[in-house]
PDB file of N, CA and C in Angstrom:
ATOM      1  N   MET A   1     136.739 117.973 108.409  1.00  0.00           N
ATOM      2  CA  MET A   1     137.560 119.058 108.867  1.00  0.00           C
ATOM      3  C   MET A   1     138.836 118.471 109.485  1.00  0.00           C
ATOM      4  N   VAL A   2     139.956 119.104 109.189  1.00  0.00           N
ATOM      5  CA  VAL A   2     141.252 118.701 109.732  1.00  0.00           C
ATOM      6  C   VAL A   2     141.757 119.813 110.648  1.00  0.00           C
ATOM      7  N   ILE A   3     142.226 119.434 111.821  1.00  0.00           N
ATOM      8  CA  ILE A   3     142.815 120.395 112.748  1.00  0.00           C
ATOM      9  C   ILE A   3     144.256 119.961 112.998  1.00  0.00           C
ATOM     10  N   TRP A   4     145.192 120.863 112.740  1.00  0.00           N
ATOM     11  CA  TRP A   4     146.601 120.600 112.993  1.00  0.00           C
ATOM     12  C   TRP A   4     146.958 121.214 114.334  1.00  0.00           C
ATOM     13  N   SER A   5     147.898 120.587 115.054  1.00  0.00           N
ATOM     14  CA  SER A   5     148.346 121.146 116.323  1.00  0.00           C
ATOM     15  C   SER A   5     149.817 120.814 116.541  1.00  0.00           C
ATOM     16  N   ASP A   6     150.436 121.598 117.419  1.00  0.00           N
ATOM     17  CA  ASP A   6     151.833 121.353 117.775  1.00  0.00           C
ATOM     18  C   ASP A   6     152.135 122.092 119.072  1.00  0.00           C
ATOM     19  N   GLU A   7     153.185 121.650 119.732  1.00  0.00           N
ATOM     20  CA  GLU A   7     153.642 122.343 120.926  1.00  0.00           C
ATOM     21  C   GLU A   7     155.122 122.657 120.765  1.00  0.00           C
ATOM     22  N   THR A   8     155.576 123.657 121.515  1.00  0.00           N
ATOM     23  CA  THR A   8     156.984 124.037 121.454  1.00  0.00           C
ATOM     24  C   THR A   8     157.409 124.648 122.773  1.00  0.00           C
ATOM     25  N   LEU A   9     158.696 124.670 122.977  1.00  0.00           N
ATOM     26  CA  LEU A   9     159.295 125.295 124.140  1.00  0.00           C
ATOM     27  C   LEU A   9     159.902 126.608 123.687  1.00  0.00           C
ATOM     28  N   LEU A  10     159.479 127.712 124.286  1.00  0.00           N
ATOM     29  CA  LEU A  10     160.001 129.032 123.945  1.00  0.00           C
ATOM     30  C   LEU A  10     160.952 129.488 125.031  1.00  0.00           C
ATOM     31  N   GLN A  11     162.143 129.907 124.634  1.00  0.00           N
ATOM     32  CA  GLN A  11     163.113 130.428 125.595  1.00  0.00           C
ATOM     33  C   GLN A  11     163.426 131.868 125.218  1.00  0.00           C
ATOM     34  N   ILE A  12     163.047 132.780 126.084  1.00  0.00           N
ATOM     35  CA  ILE A  12     163.292 134.195 125.851  1.00  0.00           C
ATOM     36  C   ILE A  12     164.528 134.592 126.646  1.00  0.00           C
ATOM     37  N   GLY A  13     165.482 135.209 125.978  1.00  0.00           N
ATOM     38  CA  GLY A  13     166.715 135.597 126.644  1.00  0.00           C
ATOM     39  C   GLY A  13     167.796 134.546 126.540  1.00  0.00           C
ATOM     40  N   HIS A  14     167.590 133.533 125.686  1.00  0.00           N
ATOM     41  CA  HIS A  14     168.573 132.474 125.519  1.00  0.00           C
ATOM     42  C   HIS A  14     168.612 132.077 124.053  1.00  0.00           C
ATOM     43  N   SER A  15     169.790 131.961 123.524  1.00  0.00           N
ATOM     44  CA  SER A  15     169.947 131.491 122.151  1.00  0.00           C
ATOM     45  C   SER A  15     170.671 130.163 122.180  1.00  0.00           C
ATOM     46  N   SER A  16     170.122 129.170 121.522  1.00  0.00           N
ATOM     47  CA  SER A  16     170.769 127.863 121.475  1.00  0.00           C
ATOM     48  C   SER A  16     171.852 127.813 120.407  1.00  0.00           C
ATOM     49  N   ARG A  17     171.967 128.870 119.636  1.00  0.00           N
ATOM     50  CA  ARG A  17     172.984 128.920 118.588  1.00  0.00           C
ATOM     51  C   ARG A  17     174.305 129.432 119.142  1.00  0.00           C
ATOM     52  N   GLN A  18     175.374 128.839 118.688  1.00  0.00           N
ATOM     53  CA  GLN A  18     176.688 129.321 119.080  1.00  0.00           C
ATOM     54  C   GLN A  18     177.098 130.411 118.111  1.00  0.00           C
ATOM     55  N   SER A  19     177.656 131.493 118.643  1.00  0.00           N
ATOM     56  CA  SER A  19     178.073 132.614 117.807  1.00  0.00           C
ATOM     57  C   SER A  19     179.591 132.656 117.737  1.00  0.00           C
ATOM     58  N   TRP A  20     180.094 132.920 116.542  1.00  0.00           N
ATOM     59  CA  TRP A  20     181.526 133.072 116.330  1.00  0.00           C
ATOM     60  C   TRP A  20     181.795 134.470 115.817  1.00  0.00           C
ATOM     61  N   VAL A  21     182.805 135.109 116.374  1.00  0.00           N
ATOM     62  CA  VAL A  21     183.196 136.445 115.938  1.00  0.00           C
ATOM     63  C   VAL A  21     184.686 136.412 115.617  1.00  0.00           C
ATOM     64  N   ILE A  22     185.034 136.885 114.436  1.00  0.00           N
ATOM     65  CA  ILE A  22     186.438 137.004 114.059  1.00  0.00           C
ATOM     66  C   ILE A  22     186.813 138.469 114.183  1.00  0.00           C
ATOM     67  N   CYS A  23     187.823 138.738 115.017  1.00  0.00           N
ATOM     68  CA  CYS A  23     188.226 140.122 115.242  1.00  0.00           C
ATOM     69  C   CYS A  23     189.730 140.197 115.471  1.00  0.00           C
ATOM     70  N   GLN A  24     190.211 141.384 115.483  1.00  0.00           N
ATOM     71  CA  GLN A  24     191.636 141.621 115.735  1.00  0.00           C
ATOM     72  C   GLN A  24     191.928 141.435 117.223  1.00  0.00           C
ATOM     73  N   LYS A  25     193.166 141.126 117.547  1.00  0.00           N
ATOM     74  CA  LYS A  25     193.572 140.986 118.934  1.00  0.00           C
ATOM     75  C   LYS A  25     193.333 142.322 119.653  1.00  0.00           C
ATOM     76  N   GLY A  26     192.720 142.252 120.826  1.00  0.00           N
ATOM     77  CA  GLY A  26     192.418 143.451 121.589  1.00  0.00           C
ATOM     78  C   GLY A  26     191.030 144.011 121.325  1.00  0.00           C
ATOM     79  N   GLU A  27     190.302 143.480 120.319  1.00  0.00           N
ATOM     80  CA  GLU A  27     188.956 143.966 119.992  1.00  0.00           C
ATOM     81  C   GLU A  27     187.856 143.031 120.501  1.00  0.00           C
ATOM     82  N   GLU A  28     188.233 142.059 121.348  1.00  0.00           N
ATOM     83  CA  GLU A  28     187.264 141.057 121.796  1.00  0.00           C
ATOM     84  C   GLU A  28     186.066 141.671 122.506  1.00  0.00           C
ATOM     85  N   LEU A  29     186.279 142.726 123.292  1.00  0.00           N
ATOM     86  CA  LEU A  29     185.188 143.335 124.062  1.00  0.00           C
ATOM     87  C   LEU A  29     184.612 144.579 123.416  1.00  0.00           C
ATOM     88  N   ASP A  30     184.980 144.831 122.190  1.00  0.00           N
ATOM     89  CA  ASP A  30     184.398 145.949 121.443  1.00  0.00           C
ATOM     90  C   ASP A  30     182.896 145.669 121.302  1.00  0.00           C
ATOM     91  N   PRO A  31     182.021 146.647 121.585  1.00  0.00           N
ATOM     92  CA  PRO A  31     180.572 146.410 121.528  1.00  0.00           C
ATOM     93  C   PRO A  31     180.078 145.768 120.230  1.00  0.00           C
ATOM     94  N   LYS A  32     180.718 146.030 119.118  1.00  0.00           N
ATOM     95  CA  LYS A  32     180.264 145.412 117.857  1.00  0.00           C
ATOM     96  C   LYS A  32     180.568 143.916 117.825  1.00  0.00           C
ATOM     97  N   ASN A  33     181.436 143.434 118.727  1.00  0.00           N
ATOM     98  CA  ASN A  33     181.811 142.023 118.753  1.00  0.00           C
ATOM     99  C   ASN A  33     181.179 141.243 119.896  1.00  0.00           C
ATOM    100  N   VAL A  34     180.386 141.904 120.729  1.00  0.00           N
ATOM    101  CA  VAL A  34     179.816 141.261 121.917  1.00  0.00           C
ATOM    102  C   VAL A  34     178.325 141.034 121.703  1.00  0.00           C
ATOM    103  N   HIS A  35     177.874 139.833 122.007  1.00  0.00           N
ATOM    104  CA  HIS A  35     176.459 139.464 121.910  1.00  0.00           C
ATOM    105  C   HIS A  35     175.930 139.336 123.330  1.00  0.00           C
ATOM    106  N   SER A  36     174.964 140.171 123.702  1.00  0.00           N
ATOM    107  CA  SER A  36     174.446 140.126 125.069  1.00  0.00           C
ATOM    108  C   SER A  36     173.441 138.996 125.240  1.00  0.00           C
ATOM    109  N   ILE A  37     173.431 138.423 126.428  1.00  0.00           N
ATOM    110  CA  ILE A  37     172.473 137.373 126.774  1.00  0.00           C
ATOM    111  C   ILE A  37     171.923 137.672 128.163  1.00  0.00           C
ATOM    112  N   PHE A  38     170.822 137.042 128.501  1.00  0.00           N
ATOM    113  CA  PHE A  38     170.194 137.196 129.801  1.00  0.00           C
ATOM    114  C   PHE A  38     170.384 135.900 130.564  1.00  0.00           C
ATOM    115  N   LYS A  39     171.314 135.881 131.495  1.00  0.00           N
ATOM    116  CA  LYS A  39     171.571 134.655 132.247  1.00  0.00           C
ATOM    117  C   LYS A  39     170.613 134.487 133.409  1.00  0.00           C
ATOM    118  N   ASN A  40     170.270 135.562 134.074  1.00  0.00           N
ATOM    119  CA  ASN A  40     169.449 135.449 135.274  1.00  0.00           C
ATOM    120  C   ASN A  40     167.961 135.605 135.014  1.00  0.00           C
ATOM    121  N   HIS A  41     167.590 136.229 133.923  1.00  0.00           N
ATOM    122  CA  HIS A  41     166.181 136.545 133.699  1.00  0.00           C
ATOM    123  C   HIS A  41     165.647 135.887 132.442  1.00  0.00           C
ATOM    124  N   ARG A  42     165.927 134.603 132.292  1.00  0.00           N
ATOM    125  CA  ARG A  42     165.386 133.880 131.151  1.00  0.00           C
ATOM    126  C   ARG A  42     163.941 133.482 131.448  1.00  0.00           C
ATOM    127  N   ALA A  43     163.135 133.542 130.437  1.00  0.00           N
ATOM    128  CA  ALA A  43     161.753 133.084 130.561  1.00  0.00           C
ATOM    129  C   ALA A  43     161.593 131.867 129.666  1.00  0.00           C
ATOM    130  N   ILE A  44     161.074 130.795 130.230  1.00  0.00           N
ATOM    131  CA  ILE A  44     160.876 129.572 129.471  1.00  0.00           C
ATOM    132  C   ILE A  44     159.393 129.220 129.552  1.00  0.00           C
ATOM    133  N   LEU A  45     158.776 129.072 128.399  1.00  0.00           N
ATOM    134  CA  LEU A  45     157.358 128.730 128.331  1.00  0.00           C
ATOM    135  C   LEU A  45     157.167 127.529 127.422  1.00  0.00           C
ATOM    136  N   MET A  46     156.231 126.675 127.781  1.00  0.00           N
ATOM    137  CA  MET A  46     155.811 125.611 126.893  1.00  0.00           C
ATOM    138  C   MET A  46     154.410 125.985 126.431  1.00  0.00           C
ATOM    139  N   VAL A  47     154.203 126.000 125.122  1.00  0.00           N
ATOM    140  CA  VAL A  47     152.911 126.409 124.578  1.00  0.00           C
ATOM    141  C   VAL A  47     152.389 125.366 123.588  1.00  0.00           C
ATOM    142  N   TRP A  48     151.095 125.364 123.397  1.00  0.00           N
ATOM    143  CA  TRP A  48     150.425 124.489 122.436  1.00  0.00           C
ATOM    144  C   TRP A  48     149.411 125.329 121.676  1.00  0.00           C
ATOM    145  N   ALA A  49     149.261 125.057 120.391  1.00  0.00           N
ATOM    146  CA  ALA A  49     148.268 125.763 119.581  1.00  0.00           C
ATOM    147  C   ALA A  49     147.764 124.842 118.484  1.00  0.00           C
ATOM    148  N   CYS A  50     146.643 125.234 117.876  1.00  0.00           N
ATOM    149  CA  CYS A  50     146.079 124.456 116.779  1.00  0.00           C
ATOM    150  C   CYS A  50     145.480 125.404 115.745  1.00  0.00           C
ATOM    151  N   PHE A  51     145.231 124.861 114.557  1.00  0.00           N
ATOM    152  CA  PHE A  51     144.616 125.659 113.494  1.00  0.00           C
ATOM    153  C   PHE A  51     143.993 124.742 112.458  1.00  0.00           C
ATOM    154  N   THR A  52     143.084 125.310 111.679  1.00  0.00           N
ATOM    155  CA  THR A  52     142.528 124.625 110.512  1.00  0.00           C
ATOM    156  C   THR A  52     143.070 125.360 109.299  1.00  0.00           C
ATOM    157  N   GLY A  53     142.527 125.058 108.136  1.00  0.00           N
ATOM    158  CA  GLY A  53     142.992 125.716 106.927  1.00  0.00           C
ATOM    159  C   GLY A  53     142.792 127.223 106.927  1.00  0.00           C
ATOM    160  N   ASP A  54     141.760 127.713 107.628  1.00  0.00           N
ATOM    161  CA  ASP A  54     141.486 129.147 107.597  1.00  0.00           C
ATOM    162  C   ASP A  54     141.230 129.766 108.971  1.00  0.00           C
ATOM    163  N   ARG A  55     141.393 129.022 110.048  1.00  0.00           N
ATOM    164  CA  ARG A  55     141.142 129.543 111.401  1.00  0.00           C
ATOM    165  C   ARG A  55     142.294 129.192 112.326  1.00  0.00           C
ATOM    166  N   ILE A  56     142.630 130.126 113.192  1.00  0.00           N
ATOM    167  CA  ILE A  56     143.681 129.902 114.186  1.00  0.00           C
ATOM    168  C   ILE A  56     143.022 129.636 115.527  1.00  0.00           C
ATOM    169  N   GLY A  57     143.462 128.583 116.192  1.00  0.00           N
ATOM    170  CA  GLY A  57     142.917 128.223 117.499  1.00  0.00           C
ATOM    171  C   GLY A  57     143.621 128.957 118.621  1.00  0.00           C
ATOM    172  N   PRO A  58     143.300 128.592 119.856  1.00  0.00           N
ATOM    173  CA  PRO A  58     143.882 129.278 121.012  1.00  0.00           C
ATOM    174  C   PRO A  58     145.344 128.878 121.231  1.00  0.00           C
ATOM    175  N   LEU A  59     146.076 129.764 121.868  1.00  0.00           N
ATOM    176  CA  LEU A  59     147.435 129.473 122.295  1.00  0.00           C
ATOM    177  C   LEU A  59     147.350 129.104 123.773  1.00  0.00           C
ATOM    178  N   MET A  60     147.641 127.856 124.087  1.00  0.00           N
ATOM    179  CA  MET A  60     147.550 127.368 125.456  1.00  0.00           C
ATOM    180  C   MET A  60     148.942 127.369 126.078  1.00  0.00           C
ATOM    181  N   ILE A  61     149.076 127.993 127.239  1.00  0.00           N
ATOM    182  CA  ILE A  61     150.359 128.092 127.923  1.00  0.00           C
ATOM    183  C   ILE A  61     150.348 127.161 129.129  1.00  0.00           C
ATOM    184  N   PHE A  62     151.367 126.324 129.228  1.00  0.00           N
ATOM    185  CA  PHE A  62     151.479 125.400 130.347  1.00  0.00           C
ATOM    186  C   PHE A  62     152.028 126.133 131.561  1.00  0.00           C
ATOM    187  N   ASP A  63     151.511 125.813 132.748  1.00  0.00           N
ATOM    188  CA  ASP A  63     151.944 126.465 133.982  1.00  0.00           C
ATOM    189  C   ASP A  63     153.381 126.116 134.350  1.00  0.00           C
ATOM    190  N   LYS A  64     153.805 124.928 134.000  1.00  0.00           N
ATOM    191  CA  LYS A  64     155.159 124.489 134.321  1.00  0.00           C
ATOM    192  C   LYS A  64     155.725 123.719 133.141  1.00  0.00           C
ATOM    193  N   LEU A  65     157.041 123.560 133.130  1.00  0.00           N
ATOM    194  CA  LEU A  65     157.689 122.919 131.981  1.00  0.00           C
ATOM    195  C   LEU A  65     157.525 121.413 131.982  1.00  0.00           C
ATOM    196  N   GLU A  66     157.609 120.804 133.132  1.00  0.00           N
ATOM    197  CA  GLU A  66     157.476 119.357 133.208  1.00  0.00           C
ATOM    198  C   GLU A  66     156.065 119.031 133.645  1.00  0.00           C
ATOM    199  N   VAL A  67     155.295 118.501 132.713  1.00  0.00           N
ATOM    200  CA  VAL A  67     153.899 118.177 133.004  1.00  0.00           C
ATOM    201  C   VAL A  67     153.686 116.692 132.803  1.00  0.00           C
ATOM    202  N   SER A  68     152.760 116.142 133.569  1.00  0.00           N
ATOM    203  CA  SER A  68     152.420 114.729 133.409  1.00  0.00           C
ATOM    204  C   SER A  68     151.548 114.563 132.169  1.00  0.00           C
ATOM    205  N   ASN A  69     151.366 113.342 131.750  1.00  0.00           N
ATOM    206  CA  ASN A  69     150.508 113.070 130.598  1.00  0.00           C
ATOM    207  C   ASN A  69     149.089 113.580 130.836  1.00  0.00           C
ATOM    208  N   ASP A  70     148.597 113.375 132.063  1.00  0.00           N
ATOM    209  CA  ASP A  70     147.233 113.817 132.381  1.00  0.00           C
ATOM    210  C   ASP A  70     147.102 115.340 132.313  1.00  0.00           C
ATOM    211  N   GLU A  71     148.101 116.059 132.867  1.00  0.00           N
ATOM    212  CA  GLU A  71     148.071 117.523 132.817  1.00  0.00           C
ATOM    213  C   GLU A  71     148.172 118.017 131.382  1.00  0.00           C
ATOM    214  N   TYR A  72     149.022 117.367 130.584  1.00  0.00           N
ATOM    215  CA  TYR A  72     149.188 117.734 129.180  1.00  0.00           C
ATOM    216  C   TYR A  72     147.871 117.567 128.425  1.00  0.00           C
ATOM    217  N   MET A  73     147.232 116.427 128.612  1.00  0.00           N
ATOM    218  CA  MET A  73     145.963 116.153 127.925  1.00  0.00           C
ATOM    219  C   MET A  73     144.875 117.123 128.382  1.00  0.00           C
ATOM    220  N   GLU A  74     144.877 117.489 129.655  1.00  0.00           N
ATOM    221  CA  GLU A  74     143.869 118.427 130.163  1.00  0.00           C
ATOM    222  C   GLU A  74     143.995 119.789 129.484  1.00  0.00           C
ATOM    223  N   VAL A  75     145.218 120.300 129.364  1.00  0.00           N
ATOM    224  CA  VAL A  75     145.439 121.598 128.729  1.00  0.00           C
ATOM    225  C   VAL A  75     145.047 121.536 127.259  1.00  0.00           C
ATOM    226  N   ILE A  76     145.477 120.489 126.570  1.00  0.00           N
ATOM    227  CA  ILE A  76     145.171 120.370 125.142  1.00  0.00           C
ATOM    228  C   ILE A  76     143.669 120.200 124.913  1.00  0.00           C
ATOM    229  N   LEU A  77     143.031 119.360 125.701  1.00  0.00           N
ATOM    230  CA  LEU A  77     141.589 119.168 125.514  1.00  0.00           C
ATOM    231  C   LEU A  77     140.811 120.442 125.808  1.00  0.00           C
ATOM    232  N   ASP A  78     141.239 121.216 126.815  1.00  0.00           N
ATOM    233  CA  ASP A  78     140.580 122.506 127.085  1.00  0.00           C
ATOM    234  C   ASP A  78     140.676 123.411 125.858  1.00  0.00           C
ATOM    235  N   GLY A  79     141.859 123.495 125.270  1.00  0.00           N
ATOM    236  CA  GLY A  79     142.046 124.333 124.082  1.00  0.00           C
ATOM    237  C   GLY A  79     141.301 123.811 122.884  1.00  0.00           C
ATOM    238  N   LEU A  80     141.321 122.505 122.708  1.00  0.00           N
ATOM    239  CA  LEU A  80     140.659 121.904 121.550  1.00  0.00           C
ATOM    240  C   LEU A  80     139.136 122.020 121.657  1.00  0.00           C
ATOM    241  N   VAL A  81     138.588 121.777 122.828  1.00  0.00           N
ATOM    242  CA  VAL A  81     137.142 121.910 123.026  1.00  0.00           C
ATOM    243  C   VAL A  81     136.702 123.352 122.797  1.00  0.00           C
ATOM    244  N   PHE A  82     137.470 124.300 123.322  1.00  0.00           N
ATOM    245  CA  PHE A  82     137.174 125.710 123.108  1.00  0.00           C
ATOM    246  C   PHE A  82     137.163 126.034 121.606  1.00  0.00           C
ATOM    247  N   PHE A  83     138.166 125.534 120.888  1.00  0.00           N
ATOM    248  CA  PHE A  83     138.291 125.782 119.455  1.00  0.00           C
ATOM    249  C   PHE A  83     137.133 125.130 118.684  1.00  0.00           C
ATOM    250  N   LEU A  84     136.797 123.898 119.009  1.00  0.00           N
ATOM    251  CA  LEU A  84     135.685 123.218 118.337  1.00  0.00           C
ATOM    252  C   LEU A  84     134.365 123.916 118.597  1.00  0.00           C
ATOM    253  N   ASP A  85     134.129 124.367 119.833  1.00  0.00           N
ATOM    254  CA  ASP A  85     132.910 125.111 120.135  1.00  0.00           C
ATOM    255  C   ASP A  85     132.821 126.368 119.297  1.00  0.00           C
ATOM    256  N   ASP A  86     133.971 127.050 119.130  1.00  0.00           N
ATOM    257  CA  ASP A  86     134.011 128.267 118.336  1.00  0.00           C
ATOM    258  C   ASP A  86     133.767 127.967 116.851  1.00  0.00           C
ATOM    259  N   LEU A  87     134.290 126.859 116.368  1.00  0.00           N
ATOM    260  CA  LEU A  87     134.097 126.491 114.951  1.00  0.00           C
ATOM    261  C   LEU A  87     132.657 126.098 114.654  1.00  0.00           C
ATOM    262  N   LEU A  88     132.050 125.372 115.567  1.00  0.00           N
ATOM    263  CA  LEU A  88     130.697 124.860 115.326  1.00  0.00           C
ATOM    264  C   LEU A  88     129.656 125.856 115.757  1.00  0.00           C
TER     265      LEU A  88
END
């Protein structure tokens, strides 16, 4: 059996892409040309998940963004053990 896993950082309310708008002079603040963002209420989560060919494992959410190696391994092993118990 093969289990694949990965982790990612999710940012809600923030886009890492730069947006360009071409408009006429004086139309810069026209609602069709403005892209809203959330500066004060961004949510940032670090998550980890795993899966096999036909089963999806748990989504593990880290309590904080900067975690030590030991904390990282603890979260992943908790999720992996839970998933293996469910598979077997």
